[in-house]
């Protein structure tokens, strides 16, 4: 996830909402971000779902986000 502008530092929080677009996955975890992949201009997003096997799998679900922190 690349931000439209950079943050002043990495002391920010991001909040996500998921959008259902793959009905073969019966449940989706709320997307989250990798704390080790958190930078001032982008962060790495982790989205996973559970399929009918059940197994945890990577998912292509869409999401929206907003961030709270000090922008540069």
N, C-alpha and C. Protein backbone atom coordinates (compact mmCIF):
# COMPACT_ATOMS: atom_id res chain seq x y z
N UNK A 1 0.86 -1.16 0.00
CA UNK A 1 0.00 0.00 0.00
C UNK A 1 0.90 1.22 0.00
N UNK A 2 0.88 1.98 -1.10
CA UNK A 2 1.68 3.20 -1.19
C UNK A 2 0.82 4.39 -0.83
N UNK A 3 1.32 5.24 0.04
CA UNK A 3 0.56 6.39 0.51
C UNK A 3 0.66 7.56 -0.47
N UNK A 4 -0.34 8.43 -0.49
CA UNK A 4 -0.31 9.58 -1.40
C UNK A 4 0.78 10.59 -1.02
N UNK A 5 1.18 10.60 0.22
CA UNK A 5 2.30 11.41 0.70
C UNK A 5 2.94 10.63 1.84
N UNK A 6 4.10 11.04 2.30
CA UNK A 6 4.79 10.26 3.33
C UNK A 6 4.41 10.72 4.73
N UNK A 7 4.54 9.80 5.66
CA UNK A 7 4.36 10.13 7.06
C UNK A 7 5.65 10.73 7.61
N UNK A 8 5.52 11.47 8.69
CA UNK A 8 6.68 12.08 9.36
C UNK A 8 7.59 10.99 9.94
N UNK A 9 6.98 9.93 10.48
CA UNK A 9 7.72 8.79 11.02
C UNK A 9 6.82 7.55 10.92
N UNK A 10 7.25 6.45 11.49
CA UNK A 10 6.45 5.22 11.39
C UNK A 10 5.48 5.05 12.55
N UNK A 11 5.25 6.10 13.31
CA UNK A 11 4.30 6.05 14.42
C UNK A 11 2.90 6.40 13.91
N UNK A 12 2.32 5.54 13.08
CA UNK A 12 0.98 5.73 12.53
C UNK A 12 0.23 4.41 12.59
N UNK A 13 -1.07 4.48 12.45
CA UNK A 13 -1.91 3.28 12.42
C UNK A 13 -2.75 3.29 11.16
N UNK A 14 -2.99 2.10 10.63
CA UNK A 14 -3.81 1.94 9.43
C UNK A 14 -4.99 1.04 9.78
N UNK A 15 -6.15 1.39 9.25
CA UNK A 15 -7.37 0.61 9.49
C UNK A 15 -7.94 0.19 8.14
N UNK A 16 -8.42 -1.04 8.06
CA UNK A 16 -8.90 -1.62 6.82
C UNK A 16 -10.33 -2.12 6.94
N UNK A 17 -11.00 -2.19 5.80
CA UNK A 17 -12.26 -2.92 5.69
C UNK A 17 -12.15 -3.82 4.47
N UNK A 18 -12.66 -5.02 4.54
CA UNK A 18 -12.61 -5.95 3.43
C UNK A 18 -13.88 -5.90 2.60
N UNK A 19 -13.78 -6.28 1.34
CA UNK A 19 -14.94 -6.32 0.44
C UNK A 19 -15.07 -7.74 -0.09
N UNK A 20 -16.26 -8.30 -0.01
CA UNK A 20 -16.48 -9.67 -0.46
C UNK A 20 -16.49 -9.71 -1.99
N UNK A 21 -15.56 -10.45 -2.58
CA UNK A 21 -15.58 -10.63 -4.03
C UNK A 21 -15.18 -12.04 -4.43
N UNK A 22 -15.03 -12.93 -3.46
CA UNK A 22 -14.68 -14.32 -3.76
C UNK A 22 -15.53 -15.21 -2.86
N UNK A 23 -16.62 -15.72 -3.39
CA UNK A 23 -17.56 -16.49 -2.56
C UNK A 23 -17.07 -17.90 -2.25
N UNK A 24 -15.97 -18.35 -2.85
CA UNK A 24 -15.44 -19.68 -2.51
C UNK A 24 -14.70 -19.65 -1.17
N UNK A 25 -14.39 -18.47 -0.68
CA UNK A 25 -13.79 -18.34 0.65
C UNK A 25 -14.90 -18.00 1.63
N UNK A 26 -15.08 -18.87 2.60
CA UNK A 26 -16.22 -18.70 3.51
C UNK A 26 -15.98 -17.63 4.58
N UNK A 27 -14.76 -17.24 4.79
CA UNK A 27 -14.45 -16.26 5.84
C UNK A 27 -13.18 -15.53 5.45
N UNK A 28 -13.09 -14.29 5.82
CA UNK A 28 -11.86 -13.55 5.56
C UNK A 28 -11.41 -12.87 6.84
N UNK A 29 -10.12 -12.93 7.08
CA UNK A 29 -9.56 -12.17 8.18
C UNK A 29 -9.51 -10.71 7.78
N UNK A 30 -9.64 -9.85 8.74
CA UNK A 30 -9.49 -8.43 8.43
C UNK A 30 -8.07 -8.21 7.95
N UNK A 31 -7.90 -7.48 6.86
CA UNK A 31 -6.54 -7.22 6.40
C UNK A 31 -5.73 -6.54 7.50
N UNK A 32 -4.47 -6.79 7.51
CA UNK A 32 -3.58 -6.16 8.48
C UNK A 32 -2.28 -5.78 7.81
N UNK A 33 -1.43 -5.10 8.53
CA UNK A 33 -0.15 -4.74 7.94
C UNK A 33 0.99 -5.35 8.72
N UNK A 34 2.06 -5.59 8.01
CA UNK A 34 3.26 -6.20 8.56
C UNK A 34 4.06 -5.12 9.29
N UNK A 35 4.20 -5.24 10.61
CA UNK A 35 4.92 -4.22 11.37
C UNK A 35 6.37 -4.08 10.92
N UNK A 36 6.97 -5.18 10.43
CA UNK A 36 8.35 -5.12 9.92
C UNK A 36 8.41 -4.48 8.55
N UNK A 37 7.27 -4.40 7.86
CA UNK A 37 7.21 -3.80 6.54
C UNK A 37 6.57 -2.43 6.57
N UNK A 38 6.71 -1.73 7.69
CA UNK A 38 6.07 -0.43 7.88
C UNK A 38 7.10 0.67 7.64
N UNK A 39 6.87 1.47 6.62
CA UNK A 39 7.78 2.56 6.26
C UNK A 39 6.99 3.86 6.19
N UNK A 40 7.66 4.97 6.04
CA UNK A 40 6.95 6.25 6.02
C UNK A 40 6.16 6.47 4.74
N UNK A 41 6.52 5.82 3.64
CA UNK A 41 5.82 6.05 2.38
C UNK A 41 4.96 4.87 1.93
N UNK A 42 5.09 3.71 2.57
CA UNK A 42 4.26 2.56 2.23
C UNK A 42 4.31 1.53 3.35
N UNK A 43 3.41 0.55 3.28
CA UNK A 43 3.45 -0.59 4.19
C UNK A 43 3.02 -1.83 3.43
N UNK A 44 3.43 -2.97 3.92
CA UNK A 44 3.06 -4.25 3.32
C UNK A 44 1.76 -4.73 3.95
N UNK A 45 0.78 -5.03 3.11
CA UNK A 45 -0.54 -5.45 3.56
C UNK A 45 -0.65 -6.97 3.47
N UNK A 46 -1.25 -7.58 4.49
CA UNK A 46 -1.45 -9.02 4.52
C UNK A 46 -2.95 -9.31 4.48
N UNK A 47 -3.42 -9.96 3.43
CA UNK A 47 -4.84 -10.35 3.36
C UNK A 47 -4.92 -11.85 3.15
N UNK A 48 -5.60 -12.51 4.04
CA UNK A 48 -5.77 -13.97 3.93
C UNK A 48 -7.21 -14.35 4.19
N UNK A 49 -7.62 -15.43 3.58
CA UNK A 49 -8.97 -15.94 3.78
C UNK A 49 -8.93 -17.42 4.09
N UNK A 50 -10.07 -18.00 4.39
CA UNK A 50 -10.17 -19.44 4.63
C UNK A 50 -11.08 -20.02 3.55
N UNK A 51 -10.59 -21.02 2.83
CA UNK A 51 -11.41 -21.64 1.79
C UNK A 51 -12.20 -22.81 2.37
N UNK A 52 -12.88 -23.56 1.52
CA UNK A 52 -13.78 -24.62 1.98
C UNK A 52 -13.05 -25.87 2.47
N UNK A 53 -11.73 -25.95 2.32
CA UNK A 53 -10.99 -27.16 2.71
C UNK A 53 -11.05 -27.47 4.20
N UNK A 54 -11.00 -26.71 5.23
CA UNK A 54 -10.62 -25.30 5.27
C UNK A 54 -9.10 -25.14 5.35
N UNK A 55 -8.62 -24.15 4.70
CA UNK A 55 -7.20 -23.83 4.73
C UNK A 55 -7.05 -22.32 4.63
N UNK A 56 -6.03 -21.80 5.29
CA UNK A 56 -5.75 -20.37 5.19
C UNK A 56 -5.01 -20.13 3.89
N UNK A 57 -5.53 -19.24 3.07
CA UNK A 57 -4.95 -18.98 1.75
C UNK A 57 -4.82 -17.48 1.54
N UNK A 58 -3.92 -17.10 0.65
CA UNK A 58 -3.84 -15.69 0.24
C UNK A 58 -5.09 -15.38 -0.54
N UNK A 59 -5.58 -14.19 -0.42
CA UNK A 59 -6.82 -13.83 -1.09
C UNK A 59 -6.64 -12.56 -1.91
N UNK A 60 -7.46 -12.41 -2.92
CA UNK A 60 -7.41 -11.22 -3.76
C UNK A 60 -8.53 -10.25 -3.46
N UNK A 61 -9.11 -10.34 -2.26
CA UNK A 61 -10.23 -9.48 -1.90
C UNK A 61 -9.81 -8.02 -1.90
N UNK A 62 -10.72 -7.18 -2.33
CA UNK A 62 -10.46 -5.73 -2.30
C UNK A 62 -10.62 -5.22 -0.88
N UNK A 63 -10.02 -4.08 -0.59
CA UNK A 63 -10.17 -3.47 0.71
C UNK A 63 -10.06 -1.95 0.59
N UNK A 64 -10.58 -1.27 1.57
CA UNK A 64 -10.40 0.17 1.68
C UNK A 64 -9.59 0.43 2.94
N UNK A 65 -8.98 1.58 3.03
CA UNK A 65 -8.12 1.86 4.17
C UNK A 65 -8.16 3.33 4.53
N UNK A 66 -7.79 3.63 5.76
CA UNK A 66 -7.48 5.00 6.16
C UNK A 66 -6.39 4.92 7.22
N UNK A 67 -5.60 5.97 7.30
CA UNK A 67 -4.46 5.98 8.21
C UNK A 67 -4.53 7.20 9.12
N UNK A 68 -4.06 7.00 10.34
CA UNK A 68 -4.00 8.09 11.31
C UNK A 68 -2.55 8.23 11.75
N UNK A 69 -2.02 9.41 11.57
CA UNK A 69 -0.64 9.69 11.95
C UNK A 69 -0.27 11.09 11.53
N UNK A 70 0.98 11.43 11.68
CA UNK A 70 1.46 12.76 11.30
C UNK A 70 2.05 12.69 9.90
N UNK A 71 1.39 13.34 8.96
CA UNK A 71 1.89 13.38 7.58
C UNK A 71 3.04 14.38 7.49
N UNK A 72 3.92 14.14 6.56
CA UNK A 72 5.08 15.02 6.36
C UNK A 72 4.68 16.31 5.71
